[in-house]
């Protein structure tokens, strides 16, 4: 990692601003990160019907899709590419847990518990 410092000449006190260049996790820019988020949303959306039926959840598909949308909109203001990539990785892991039945039904119900 490269660290550069710049001096700002504000009044009598000077302040150092550090810029750190870090390696990306998955995406190199916002366009790639957005494509990853869109692909994850599409995959979740397509799997919701099967997941609700296979886990015997008594949640309607419309409610599940509304909840999916709200979960994604929770993070709409995140702009750091590395944070977006970490959220996508966690989302992929969650999708895999449901598909392989590693996650139990109560895990799915916990997303719908708004208390």
PDB file of N, CA and C in Angstrom:
ATOM      1  N   UNK A   1       0.842  -1.175   0.000  1.00  0.00           N
ATOM      2  CA  UNK A   1       0.000   0.000   0.000  1.00  0.00           C
ATOM      3  C   UNK A   1       0.883   1.232   0.000  1.00  0.00           C
ATOM      4  N   UNK A   2       0.480   2.216  -0.749  1.00  0.00           N
ATOM      5  CA  UNK A   2       1.221   3.461  -0.860  1.00  0.00           C
ATOM      6  C   UNK A   2       0.489   4.519  -0.062  1.00  0.00           C
ATOM      7  N   UNK A   3       1.242   5.266   0.740  1.00  0.00           N
ATOM      8  CA  UNK A   3       0.645   6.333   1.533  1.00  0.00           C
ATOM      9  C   UNK A   3       1.329   7.627   1.141  1.00  0.00           C
ATOM     10  N   UNK A   4       0.546   8.613   0.744  1.00  0.00           N
ATOM     11  CA  UNK A   4       1.095   9.919   0.423  1.00  0.00           C
ATOM     12  C   UNK A   4       0.478  10.944   1.353  1.00  0.00           C
ATOM     13  N   UNK A   5       1.238  11.961   1.689  1.00  0.00           N
ATOM     14  CA  UNK A   5       0.710  12.997   2.571  1.00  0.00           C
ATOM     15  C   UNK A   5       0.805  14.326   1.857  1.00  0.00           C
ATOM     16  N   UNK A   6      -0.158  15.171   2.135  1.00  0.00           N
ATOM     17  CA  UNK A   6      -0.182  16.514   1.571  1.00  0.00           C
ATOM     18  C   UNK A   6      -0.377  17.492   2.718  1.00  0.00           C
ATOM     19  N   UNK A   7       0.266  18.615   2.637  1.00  0.00           N
ATOM     20  CA  UNK A   7       0.088  19.655   3.639  1.00  0.00           C
ATOM     21  C   UNK A   7      -0.951  20.635   3.144  1.00  0.00           C
ATOM     22  N   UNK A   8      -1.860  20.988   3.996  1.00  0.00           N
ATOM     23  CA  UNK A   8      -2.817  22.031   3.653  1.00  0.00           C
ATOM     24  C   UNK A   8      -2.400  23.274   4.404  1.00  0.00           C
ATOM     25  N   UNK A   9      -2.279  24.359   3.747  1.00  0.00           N
ATOM     26  CA  UNK A   9      -1.803  25.583   4.372  1.00  0.00           C
ATOM     27  C   UNK A   9      -2.920  26.436   4.924  1.00  0.00           C
ATOM     28  N   UNK A  10      -3.684  25.910   5.828  1.00  0.00           N
ATOM     29  CA  UNK A  10      -4.776  26.643   6.441  1.00  0.00           C
ATOM     30  C   UNK A  10      -4.259  27.370   7.674  1.00  0.00           C
ATOM     31  N   UNK A  11      -4.416  28.663   7.718  1.00  0.00           N
ATOM     32  CA  UNK A  11      -4.031  29.551   8.816  1.00  0.00           C
ATOM     33  C   UNK A  11      -2.656  29.201   9.362  1.00  0.00           C
ATOM     34  N   UNK A  12      -2.491  29.321  10.644  1.00  0.00           N
ATOM     35  CA  UNK A  12      -1.172  29.089  11.235  1.00  0.00           C
ATOM     36  C   UNK A  12      -0.919  27.607  11.478  1.00  0.00           C
ATOM     37  N   UNK A  13      -1.978  26.829  11.593  1.00  0.00           N
ATOM     38  CA  UNK A  13      -1.820  25.401  11.857  1.00  0.00           C
ATOM     39  C   UNK A  13      -1.899  24.646  10.536  1.00  0.00           C
ATOM     40  N   UNK A  14      -0.915  23.800  10.300  1.00  0.00           N
ATOM     41  CA  UNK A  14      -0.981  22.994   9.080  1.00  0.00           C
ATOM     42  C   UNK A  14      -1.431  21.603   9.447  1.00  0.00           C
ATOM     43  N   UNK A  15      -2.144  21.017   8.554  1.00  0.00           N
ATOM     44  CA  UNK A  15      -2.720  19.718   8.809  1.00  0.00           C
ATOM     45  C   UNK A  15      -2.281  18.792   7.691  1.00  0.00           C
ATOM     46  N   UNK A  16      -2.015  17.563   8.035  1.00  0.00           N
ATOM     47  CA  UNK A  16      -1.582  16.565   7.060  1.00  0.00           C
ATOM     48  C   UNK A  16      -2.788  15.723   6.649  1.00  0.00           C
ATOM     49  N   UNK A  17      -2.953  15.531   5.349  1.00  0.00           N
ATOM     50  CA  UNK A  17      -4.019  14.691   4.834  1.00  0.00           C
ATOM     51  C   UNK A  17      -3.361  13.476   4.202  1.00  0.00           C
ATOM     52  N   UNK A  18      -3.713  12.299   4.690  1.00  0.00           N
ATOM     53  CA  UNK A  18      -3.113  11.067   4.184  1.00  0.00           C
ATOM     54  C   UNK A  18      -4.066  10.403   3.201  1.00  0.00           C
ATOM     55  N   UNK A  19      -3.497   9.931   2.106  1.00  0.00           N
ATOM     56  CA  UNK A  19      -4.261   9.187   1.124  1.00  0.00           C
ATOM     57  C   UNK A  19      -3.644   7.809   1.013  1.00  0.00           C
ATOM     58  N   UNK A  20      -4.456   6.797   1.186  1.00  0.00           N
ATOM     59  CA  UNK A  20      -3.947   5.436   1.135  1.00  0.00           C
ATOM     60  C   UNK A  20      -4.550   4.735  -0.078  1.00  0.00           C
ATOM     61  N   UNK A  21      -3.714   4.185  -0.908  1.00  0.00           N
ATOM     62  CA  UNK A  21      -4.169   3.435  -2.067  1.00  0.00           C
ATOM     63  C   UNK A  21      -4.231   1.972  -1.656  1.00  0.00           C
ATOM     64  N   UNK A  22      -5.420   1.384  -1.767  1.00  0.00           N
ATOM     65  CA  UNK A  22      -5.619   0.007  -1.341  1.00  0.00           C
ATOM     66  C   UNK A  22      -6.011  -0.845  -2.533  1.00  0.00           C
ATOM     67  N   UNK A  23      -5.789  -2.137  -2.386  1.00  0.00           N
ATOM     68  CA  UNK A  23      -6.150  -3.064  -3.450  1.00  0.00           C
ATOM     69  C   UNK A  23      -7.643  -3.353  -3.415  1.00  0.00           C
ATOM     70  N   UNK A  24      -8.265  -3.444  -4.571  1.00  0.00           N
ATOM     71  CA  UNK A  24      -9.693  -3.765  -4.585  1.00  0.00           C
ATOM     72  C   UNK A  24      -9.948  -5.217  -4.213  1.00  0.00           C
ATOM     73  N   UNK A  25     -11.139  -5.495  -3.694  1.00  0.00           N
ATOM     74  CA  UNK A  25     -11.512  -6.859  -3.338  1.00  0.00           C
ATOM     75  C   UNK A  25     -11.958  -7.607  -4.590  1.00  0.00           C
ATOM     76  N   UNK A  26     -12.993  -7.113  -5.250  1.00  0.00           N
ATOM     77  CA  UNK A  26     -13.492  -7.727  -6.473  1.00  0.00           C
ATOM     78  C   UNK A  26     -13.530  -6.735  -7.625  1.00  0.00           C
ATOM     79  N   UNK A  27     -14.061  -5.558  -7.358  1.00  0.00           N
ATOM     80  CA  UNK A  27     -14.314  -4.568  -8.398  1.00  0.00           C
ATOM     81  C   UNK A  27     -13.230  -3.503  -8.414  1.00  0.00           C
ATOM     82  N   UNK A  28     -12.929  -3.044  -9.615  1.00  0.00           N
ATOM     83  CA  UNK A  28     -11.920  -1.991  -9.750  1.00  0.00           C
ATOM     84  C   UNK A  28     -12.535  -0.601  -9.723  1.00  0.00           C
ATOM     85  N   UNK A  29     -13.836  -0.516 -10.032  1.00  0.00           N
ATOM     86  CA  UNK A  29     -14.503   0.780 -10.047  1.00  0.00           C
ATOM     87  C   UNK A  29     -15.978   0.598  -9.705  1.00  0.00           C
ATOM     88  N   UNK A  30     -16.691   1.728  -9.672  1.00  0.00           N
ATOM     89  CA  UNK A  30     -18.107   1.694  -9.282  1.00  0.00           C
ATOM     90  C   UNK A  30     -18.972   0.954 -10.295  1.00  0.00           C
ATOM     91  N   UNK A  31     -18.593   0.985 -11.552  1.00  0.00           N
ATOM     92  CA  UNK A  31     -19.381   0.303 -12.584  1.00  0.00           C
ATOM     93  C   UNK A  31     -19.353  -1.205 -12.364  1.00  0.00           C
ATOM     94  N   UNK A  32     -18.171  -1.749 -12.080  1.00  0.00           N
ATOM     95  CA  UNK A  32     -18.070  -3.185 -11.806  1.00  0.00           C
ATOM     96  C   UNK A  32     -18.793  -3.555 -10.514  1.00  0.00           C
ATOM     97  N   UNK A  33     -18.690  -2.706  -9.498  1.00  0.00           N
ATOM     98  CA  UNK A  33     -19.360  -2.978  -8.225  1.00  0.00           C
ATOM     99  C   UNK A  33     -20.879  -2.981  -8.420  1.00  0.00           C
ATOM    100  N   UNK A  34     -21.375  -2.039  -9.196  1.00  0.00           N
ATOM    101  CA  UNK A  34     -22.814  -1.983  -9.458  1.00  0.00           C
ATOM    102  C   UNK A  34     -23.276  -3.216 -10.229  1.00  0.00           C
ATOM    103  N   UNK A  35     -22.463  -3.677 -11.161  1.00  0.00           N
ATOM    104  CA  UNK A  35     -22.810  -4.893 -11.907  1.00  0.00           C
ATOM    105  C   UNK A  35     -22.875  -6.096 -10.966  1.00  0.00           C
ATOM    106  N   UNK A  36     -21.984  -6.157  -9.988  1.00  0.00           N
ATOM    107  CA  UNK A  36     -22.004  -7.236  -9.010  1.00  0.00           C
ATOM    108  C   UNK A  36     -23.247  -7.196  -8.138  1.00  0.00           C
ATOM    109  N   UNK A  37     -23.651  -6.002  -7.732  1.00  0.00           N
ATOM    110  CA  UNK A  37     -24.850  -5.846  -6.910  1.00  0.00           C
ATOM    111  C   UNK A  37     -26.087  -6.234  -7.722  1.00  0.00           C
ATOM    112  N   UNK A  38     -26.136  -5.795  -8.963  1.00  0.00           N
ATOM    113  CA  UNK A  38     -27.280  -6.118  -9.824  1.00  0.00           C
ATOM    114  C   UNK A  38     -27.381  -7.621 -10.060  1.00  0.00           C
ATOM    115  N   UNK A  39     -26.254  -8.267 -10.295  1.00  0.00           N
ATOM    116  CA  UNK A  39     -26.258  -9.717 -10.510  1.00  0.00           C
ATOM    117  C   UNK A  39     -26.714 -10.452  -9.247  1.00  0.00           C
ATOM    118  N   UNK A  40     -26.263 -10.003  -8.079  1.00  0.00           N
ATOM    119  CA  UNK A  40     -26.680 -10.627  -6.824  1.00  0.00           C
ATOM    120  C   UNK A  40     -28.175 -10.451  -6.604  1.00  0.00           C
ATOM    121  N   UNK A  41     -28.697  -9.254  -6.858  1.00  0.00           N
ATOM    122  CA  UNK A  41     -30.129  -9.003  -6.701  1.00  0.00           C
ATOM    123  C   UNK A  41     -30.934  -9.902  -7.635  1.00  0.00           C
ATOM    124  N   UNK A  42     -30.492 -10.003  -8.876  1.00  0.00           N
ATOM    125  CA  UNK A  42     -31.180 -10.845  -9.858  1.00  0.00           C
ATOM    126  C   UNK A  42     -31.165 -12.312  -9.422  1.00  0.00           C
ATOM    127  N   UNK A  43     -30.028 -12.791  -8.918  1.00  0.00           N
ATOM    128  CA  UNK A  43     -29.938 -14.182  -8.472  1.00  0.00           C
ATOM    129  C   UNK A  43     -30.850 -14.446  -7.276  1.00  0.00           C
ATOM    130  N   UNK A  44     -30.863 -13.529  -6.307  1.00  0.00           N
ATOM    131  CA  UNK A  44     -31.756 -13.670  -5.159  1.00  0.00           C
ATOM    132  C   UNK A  44     -33.215 -13.658  -5.606  1.00  0.00           C
ATOM    133  N   UNK A  45     -33.551 -12.734  -6.506  1.00  0.00           N
ATOM    134  CA  UNK A  45     -34.929 -12.592  -6.974  1.00  0.00           C
ATOM    135  C   UNK A  45     -35.410 -13.880  -7.643  1.00  0.00           C
ATOM    136  N   UNK A  46     -34.541 -14.475  -8.436  1.00  0.00           N
ATOM    137  CA  UNK A  46     -34.905 -15.710  -9.136  1.00  0.00           C
ATOM    138  C   UNK A  46     -35.028 -16.899  -8.192  1.00  0.00           C
ATOM    139  N   UNK A  47     -34.253 -16.924  -7.134  1.00  0.00           N
ATOM    140  CA  UNK A  47     -34.239 -18.060  -6.213  1.00  0.00           C
ATOM    141  C   UNK A  47     -35.295 -17.968  -5.109  1.00  0.00           C
ATOM    142  N   UNK A  48     -35.932 -16.817  -4.956  1.00  0.00           N
ATOM    143  CA  UNK A  48     -36.866 -16.639  -3.842  1.00  0.00           C
ATOM    144  C   UNK A  48     -38.015 -17.640  -3.870  1.00  0.00           C
ATOM    145  N   UNK A  49     -38.600 -17.883  -5.021  1.00  0.00           N
ATOM    146  CA  UNK A  49     -39.727 -18.809  -5.116  1.00  0.00           C
ATOM    147  C   UNK A  49     -39.308 -20.208  -4.663  1.00  0.00           C
ATOM    148  N   UNK A  50     -38.205 -20.695  -5.198  1.00  0.00           N
ATOM    149  CA  UNK A  50     -37.713 -22.025  -4.835  1.00  0.00           C
ATOM    150  C   UNK A  50     -37.342 -22.085  -3.352  1.00  0.00           C
ATOM    151  N   UNK A  51     -36.697 -21.050  -2.852  1.00  0.00           N
ATOM    152  CA  UNK A  51     -36.273 -21.033  -1.456  1.00  0.00           C
ATOM    153  C   UNK A  51     -37.475 -21.073  -0.514  1.00  0.00           C
ATOM    154  N   UNK A  52     -38.488 -20.278  -0.804  1.00  0.00           N
ATOM    155  CA  UNK A  52     -39.678 -20.265   0.065  1.00  0.00           C
ATOM    156  C   UNK A  52     -40.389 -21.612   0.044  1.00  0.00           C
ATOM    157  N   UNK A  53     -40.464 -22.239  -1.134  1.00  0.00           N
ATOM    158  CA  UNK A  53     -41.144 -23.532  -1.208  1.00  0.00           C
ATOM    159  C   UNK A  53     -40.315 -24.645  -0.583  1.00  0.00           C
ATOM    160  N   UNK A  54     -39.021 -24.661  -0.844  1.00  0.00           N
ATOM    161  CA  UNK A  54     -38.191 -25.756  -0.344  1.00  0.00           C
ATOM    162  C   UNK A  54     -37.973 -25.684   1.169  1.00  0.00           C
ATOM    163  N   UNK A  55     -37.939 -24.499   1.722  1.00  0.00           N
ATOM    164  CA  UNK A  55     -37.785 -24.344   3.172  1.00  0.00           C
ATOM    165  C   UNK A  55     -39.131 -24.340   3.889  1.00  0.00           C
ATOM    166  N   UNK A  56     -40.218 -24.536   3.132  1.00  0.00           N
ATOM    167  CA  UNK A  56     -41.581 -24.582   3.678  1.00  0.00           C
ATOM    168  C   UNK A  56     -41.910 -23.325   4.483  1.00  0.00           C
ATOM    169  N   UNK A  57     -41.572 -22.175   3.919  1.00  0.00           N
ATOM    170  CA  UNK A  57     -41.840 -20.903   4.587  1.00  0.00           C
ATOM    171  C   UNK A  57     -43.256 -20.459   4.258  1.00  0.00           C
ATOM    172  N   UNK A  58     -43.980 -20.012   5.252  1.00  0.00           N
ATOM    173  CA  UNK A  58     -45.323 -19.503   4.990  1.00  0.00           C
ATOM    174  C   UNK A  58     -45.283 -17.987   4.786  1.00  0.00           C
ATOM    175  N   UNK A  59     -44.451 -17.600   3.837  1.00  0.00           N
ATOM    176  CA  UNK A  59     -44.289 -16.202   3.442  1.00  0.00           C
ATOM    177  C   UNK A  59     -44.631 -16.131   1.964  1.00  0.00           C
ATOM    178  N   UNK A  60     -45.450 -15.165   1.589  1.00  0.00           N
ATOM    179  CA  UNK A  60     -45.792 -15.046   0.172  1.00  0.00           C
ATOM    180  C   UNK A  60     -44.574 -14.558  -0.619  1.00  0.00           C
ATOM    181  N   UNK A  61     -44.555 -14.900  -1.887  1.00  0.00           N
ATOM    182  CA  UNK A  61     -43.432 -14.497  -2.745  1.00  0.00           C
ATOM    183  C   UNK A  61     -43.381 -12.971  -2.849  1.00  0.00           C
ATOM    184  N   UNK A  62     -44.549 -12.337  -2.901  1.00  0.00           N
ATOM    185  CA  UNK A  62     -44.589 -10.872  -2.986  1.00  0.00           C
ATOM    186  C   UNK A  62     -43.958 -10.240  -1.744  1.00  0.00           C
ATOM    187  N   UNK A  63     -44.272 -10.788  -0.558  1.00  0.00           N
ATOM    188  CA  UNK A  63     -43.661 -10.270   0.673  1.00  0.00           C
ATOM    189  C   UNK A  63     -42.155 -10.508   0.689  1.00  0.00           C
ATOM    190  N   UNK A  64     -41.733 -11.675   0.222  1.00  0.00           N
ATOM    191  CA  UNK A  64     -40.304 -11.985   0.191  1.00  0.00           C
ATOM    192  C   UNK A  64     -39.570 -11.050  -0.769  1.00  0.00           C
ATOM    193  N   UNK A  65     -40.173 -10.769  -1.898  1.00  0.00           N
ATOM    194  CA  UNK A  65     -39.529  -9.857  -2.858  1.00  0.00           C
ATOM    195  C   UNK A  65     -39.504  -8.428  -2.340  1.00  0.00           C
ATOM    196  N   UNK A  66     -40.555  -8.016  -1.628  1.00  0.00           N
ATOM    197  CA  UNK A  66     -40.545  -6.688  -1.010  1.00  0.00           C
ATOM    198  C   UNK A  66     -39.426  -6.581   0.026  1.00  0.00           C
ATOM    199  N   UNK A  67     -39.263  -7.637   0.819  1.00  0.00           N
ATOM    200  CA  UNK A  67     -38.213  -7.635   1.836  1.00  0.00           C
ATOM    201  C   UNK A  67     -36.830  -7.636   1.193  1.00  0.00           C
ATOM    202  N   UNK A  68     -36.677  -8.384   0.113  1.00  0.00           N
ATOM    203  CA  UNK A  68     -35.408  -8.399  -0.613  1.00  0.00           C
ATOM    204  C   UNK A  68     -35.065  -6.997  -1.099  1.00  0.00           C
ATOM    205  N   UNK A  69     -36.041  -6.326  -1.686  1.00  0.00           N
ATOM    206  CA  UNK A  69     -35.817  -4.970  -2.181  1.00  0.00           C
ATOM    207  C   UNK A  69     -35.428  -4.031  -1.039  1.00  0.00           C
ATOM    208  N   UNK A  70     -36.116  -4.134   0.092  1.00  0.00           N
ATOM    209  CA  UNK A  70     -35.805  -3.244   1.215  1.00  0.00           C
ATOM    210  C   UNK A  70     -34.418  -3.524   1.781  1.00  0.00           C
ATOM    211  N   UNK A  71     -34.010  -4.805   1.790  1.00  0.00           N
ATOM    212  CA  UNK A  71     -32.663  -5.138   2.279  1.00  0.00           C
ATOM    213  C   UNK A  71     -31.592  -4.537   1.371  1.00  0.00           C
ATOM    214  N   UNK A  72     -31.818  -4.553   0.072  1.00  0.00           N
ATOM    215  CA  UNK A  72     -30.854  -3.962  -0.847  1.00  0.00           C
ATOM    216  C   UNK A  72     -30.871  -2.439  -0.748  1.00  0.00           C
ATOM    217  N   UNK A  73     -32.043  -1.852  -0.579  1.00  0.00           N
ATOM    218  CA  UNK A  73     -32.133  -0.390  -0.484  1.00  0.00           C
ATOM    219  C   UNK A  73     -31.545   0.145   0.815  1.00  0.00           C
ATOM    220  N   UNK A  74     -31.382  -0.712   1.818  1.00  0.00           N
ATOM    221  CA  UNK A  74     -30.735  -0.285   3.070  1.00  0.00           C
ATOM    222  C   UNK A  74     -29.328   0.232   2.817  1.00  0.00           C
ATOM    223  N   UNK A  75     -28.669  -0.332   1.824  1.00  0.00           N
ATOM    224  CA  UNK A  75     -27.270  -0.001   1.558  1.00  0.00           C
ATOM    225  C   UNK A  75     -27.094   0.825   0.293  1.00  0.00           C
ATOM    226  N   UNK A  76     -28.129   1.544  -0.124  1.00  0.00           N
ATOM    227  CA  UNK A  76     -28.052   2.294  -1.382  1.00  0.00           C
ATOM    228  C   UNK A  76     -27.088   3.475  -1.313  1.00  0.00           C
ATOM    229  N   UNK A  77     -26.785   3.963  -0.125  1.00  0.00           N
ATOM    230  CA  UNK A  77     -25.916   5.128   0.011  1.00  0.00           C
ATOM    231  C   UNK A  77     -24.439   4.769   0.188  1.00  0.00           C
ATOM    232  N   UNK A  78     -24.106   3.496   0.154  1.00  0.00           N
ATOM    233  CA  UNK A  78     -22.711   3.079   0.296  1.00  0.00           C
ATOM    234  C   UNK A  78     -21.982   3.397  -1.008  1.00  0.00           C
ATOM    235  N   UNK A  79     -20.859   4.104  -0.905  1.00  0.00           N
ATOM    236  CA  UNK A  79     -20.131   4.509  -2.109  1.00  0.00           C
ATOM    237  C   UNK A  79     -18.735   3.894  -2.200  1.00  0.00           C
ATOM    238  N   UNK A  80     -18.211   3.386  -1.101  1.00  0.00           N
ATOM    239  CA  UNK A  80     -16.875   2.790  -1.115  1.00  0.00           C
ATOM    240  C   UNK A  80     -16.935   1.440  -1.832  1.00  0.00           C
ATOM    241  N   UNK A  81     -16.119   1.286  -2.861  1.00  0.00           N
ATOM    242  CA  UNK A  81     -16.143   0.082  -3.687  1.00  0.00           C
ATOM    243  C   UNK A  81     -15.800  -1.155  -2.865  1.00  0.00           C
ATOM    244  N   UNK A  82     -14.861  -1.033  -1.941  1.00  0.00           N
ATOM    245  CA  UNK A  82     -14.482  -2.189  -1.119  1.00  0.00           C
ATOM    246  C   UNK A  82     -15.622  -2.625  -0.198  1.00  0.00           C
ATOM    247  N   UNK A  83     -16.358  -1.677   0.345  1.00  0.00           N
ATOM    248  CA  UNK A  83     -17.490  -2.009   1.209  1.00  0.00           C
ATOM    249  C   UNK A  83     -18.593  -2.668   0.380  1.00  0.00           C
ATOM    250  N   UNK A  84     -18.845  -2.136  -0.813  1.00  0.00           N
ATOM    251  CA  UNK A  84     -19.845  -2.732  -1.698  1.00  0.00           C
ATOM    252  C   UNK A  84     -19.461  -4.166  -2.023  1.00  0.00           C
ATOM    253  N   UNK A  85     -18.186  -4.387  -2.320  1.00  0.00           N
ATOM    254  CA  UNK A  85     -17.721  -5.743  -2.631  1.00  0.00           C
ATOM    255  C   UNK A  85     -17.906  -6.686  -1.443  1.00  0.00           C
ATOM    256  N   UNK A  86     -17.635  -6.206  -0.226  1.00  0.00           N
ATOM    257  CA  UNK A  86     -17.824  -7.054   0.955  1.00  0.00           C
ATOM    258  C   UNK A  86     -19.299  -7.396   1.153  1.00  0.00           C
ATOM    259  N   UNK A  87     -20.183  -6.435   0.907  1.00  0.00           N
ATOM    260  CA  UNK A  87     -21.615  -6.701   1.019  1.00  0.00           C
ATOM    261  C   UNK A  87     -22.063  -7.725  -0.024  1.00  0.00           C
ATOM    262  N   UNK A  88     -21.498  -7.643  -1.226  1.00  0.00           N
ATOM    263  CA  UNK A  88     -21.830  -8.615  -2.274  1.00  0.00           C
ATOM    264  C   UNK A  88     -21.333 -10.001  -1.882  1.00  0.00           C
ATOM    265  N   UNK A  89     -20.133 -10.088  -1.325  1.00  0.00           N
ATOM    266  CA  UNK A  89     -19.590 -11.382  -0.893  1.00  0.00           C
ATOM    267  C   UNK A  89     -20.476 -11.980   0.203  1.00  0.00           C
ATOM    268  N   UNK A  90     -20.880 -11.163   1.170  1.00  0.00           N
ATOM    269  CA  UNK A  90     -21.754 -11.653   2.243  1.00  0.00           C
ATOM    270  C   UNK A  90     -23.107 -12.085   1.691  1.00  0.00           C
ATOM    271  N   UNK A  91     -23.605 -11.353   0.714  1.00  0.00           N
ATOM    272  CA  UNK A  91     -24.867 -11.728   0.089  1.00  0.00           C
ATOM    273  C   UNK A  91     -24.765 -13.048  -0.659  1.00  0.00           C
ATOM    274  N   UNK A  92     -23.655 -13.252  -1.365  1.00  0.00           N
ATOM    275  CA  UNK A  92     -23.436 -14.523  -2.071  1.00  0.00           C
ATOM    276  C   UNK A  92     -23.373 -15.683  -1.084  1.00  0.00           C
ATOM    277  N   UNK A  93     -22.709 -15.457   0.052  1.00  0.00           N
ATOM    278  CA  UNK A  93     -22.626 -16.507   1.068  1.00  0.00           C
ATOM    279  C   UNK A  93     -24.011 -16.829   1.621  1.00  0.00           C
ATOM    280  N   UNK A  94     -24.815 -15.810   1.839  1.00  0.00           N
ATOM    281  CA  UNK A  94     -26.163 -16.025   2.351  1.00  0.00           C
ATOM    282  C   UNK A  94     -27.012 -16.790   1.335  1.00  0.00           C
ATOM    283  N   UNK A  95     -26.899 -16.449   0.073  1.00  0.00           N
ATOM    284  CA  UNK A  95     -27.636 -17.153  -0.975  1.00  0.00           C
ATOM    285  C   UNK A  95     -27.227 -18.619  -1.036  1.00  0.00           C
ATOM    286  N   UNK A  96     -25.936 -18.878  -0.925  1.00  0.00           N
ATOM    287  CA  UNK A  96     -25.446 -20.256  -0.948  1.00  0.00           C
ATOM    288  C   UNK A  96     -25.934 -21.041   0.273  1.00  0.00           C
ATOM    289  N   UNK A  97     -25.980 -20.374   1.439  1.00  0.00           N
ATOM    290  CA  UNK A  97     -26.464 -21.038   2.649  1.00  0.00           C
ATOM    291  C   UNK A  97     -27.909 -21.494   2.497  1.00  0.00           C
ATOM    292  N   UNK A  98     -28.726 -20.659   1.878  1.00  0.00           N
ATOM    293  CA  UNK A  98     -30.120 -21.048   1.676  1.00  0.00           C
ATOM    294  C   UNK A  98     -30.251 -22.132   0.624  1.00  0.00           C
ATOM    295  N   UNK A  99     -29.465 -22.047  -0.436  1.00  0.00           N
ATOM    296  CA  UNK A  99     -29.563 -23.044  -1.510  1.00  0.00           C
ATOM    297  C   UNK A  99     -29.099 -24.425  -1.070  1.00  0.00           C
ATOM    298  N   UNK A 100     -28.106 -24.485  -0.208  1.00  0.00           N
ATOM    299  CA  UNK A 100     -27.564 -25.777   0.224  1.00  0.00           C
ATOM    300  C   UNK A 100     -28.151 -26.242   1.550  1.00  0.00           C
ATOM    301  N   UNK A 101     -29.168 -25.542   2.011  1.00  0.00           N
ATOM    302  CA  UNK A 101     -29.863 -25.889   3.254  1.00  0.00           C
ATOM    303  C   UNK A 101     -28.956 -25.835   4.476  1.00  0.00           C
ATOM    304  N   UNK A 102     -27.936 -24.989   4.450  1.00  0.00           N
ATOM    305  CA  UNK A 102     -27.123 -24.781   5.642  1.00  0.00           C
ATOM    306  C   UNK A 102     -27.850 -23.829   6.583  1.00  0.00           C
ATOM    307  N   UNK A 103     -28.651 -22.936   6.012  1.00  0.00           N
ATOM    308  CA  UNK A 103     -29.439 -22.006   6.828  1.00  0.00           C
ATOM    309  C   UNK A 103     -30.789 -22.648   7.140  1.00  0.00           C
ATOM    310  N   UNK A 104     -31.213 -22.504   8.359  1.00  0.00           N
ATOM    311  CA  UNK A 104     -32.481 -23.066   8.783  1.00  0.00           C
ATOM    312  C   UNK A 104     -33.623 -22.095   8.485  1.00  0.00           C
ATOM    313  N   UNK A 105     -34.838 -22.578   8.631  1.00  0.00           N
ATOM    314  CA  UNK A 105     -36.013 -21.754   8.342  1.00  0.00           C
ATOM    315  C   UNK A 105     -36.085 -20.524   9.246  1.00  0.00           C
ATOM    316  N   UNK A 106     -35.704 -20.682  10.510  1.00  0.00           N
ATOM    317  CA  UNK A 106     -35.780 -19.542  11.419  1.00  0.00           C
ATOM    318  C   UNK A 106     -34.832 -18.427  11.007  1.00  0.00           C
ATOM    319  N   UNK A 107     -33.769 -18.757  10.265  1.00  0.00           N
ATOM    320  CA  UNK A 107     -32.874 -17.722   9.754  1.00  0.00           C
ATOM    321  C   UNK A 107     -33.613 -16.862   8.745  1.00  0.00           C
ATOM    322  N   UNK A 108     -34.396 -17.494   7.891  1.00  0.00           N
ATOM    323  CA  UNK A 108     -35.187 -16.736   6.925  1.00  0.00           C
ATOM    324  C   UNK A 108     -36.230 -15.889   7.630  1.00  0.00           C
ATOM    325  N   UNK A 109     -36.871 -16.450   8.655  1.00  0.00           N
ATOM    326  CA  UNK A 109     -37.878 -15.701   9.390  1.00  0.00           C
ATOM    327  C   UNK A 109     -37.267 -14.511  10.135  1.00  0.00           C
ATOM    328  N   UNK A 110     -36.001 -14.608  10.503  1.00  0.00           N
ATOM    329  CA  UNK A 110     -35.364 -13.499  11.223  1.00  0.00           C
ATOM    330  C   UNK A 110     -35.270 -12.245  10.350  1.00  0.00           C
ATOM    331  N   UNK A 111     -35.231 -12.405   9.027  1.00  0.00           N
ATOM    332  CA  UNK A 111     -35.216 -11.234   8.141  1.00  0.00           C
ATOM    333  C   UNK A 111     -36.552 -10.500   8.174  1.00  0.00           C
ATOM    334  N   UNK A 112     -37.620 -11.219   8.499  1.00  0.00           N
ATOM    335  CA  UNK A 112     -38.944 -10.628   8.503  1.00  0.00           C
ATOM    336  C   UNK A 112     -39.355 -10.133   9.881  1.00  0.00           C
ATOM    337  N   UNK A 113     -38.532 -10.339  10.880  1.00  0.00           N
ATOM    338  CA  UNK A 113     -38.812  -9.883  12.230  1.00  0.00           C
ATOM    339  C   UNK A 113     -38.337  -8.447  12.360  1.00  0.00           C
ATOM    340  N   UNK A 114     -39.243  -7.490  12.370  1.00  0.00           N
ATOM    341  CA  UNK A 114     -38.880  -6.071  12.392  1.00  0.00           C
ATOM    342  C   UNK A 114     -38.866  -5.481  13.796  1.00  0.00           C
ATOM    343  N   UNK A 115     -38.754  -6.323  14.815  1.00  0.00           N
ATOM    344  CA  UNK A 115     -38.721  -5.810  16.185  1.00  0.00           C
ATOM    345  C   UNK A 115     -37.341  -5.440  16.603  1.00  0.00           C
TER     346      UNK A 115
END
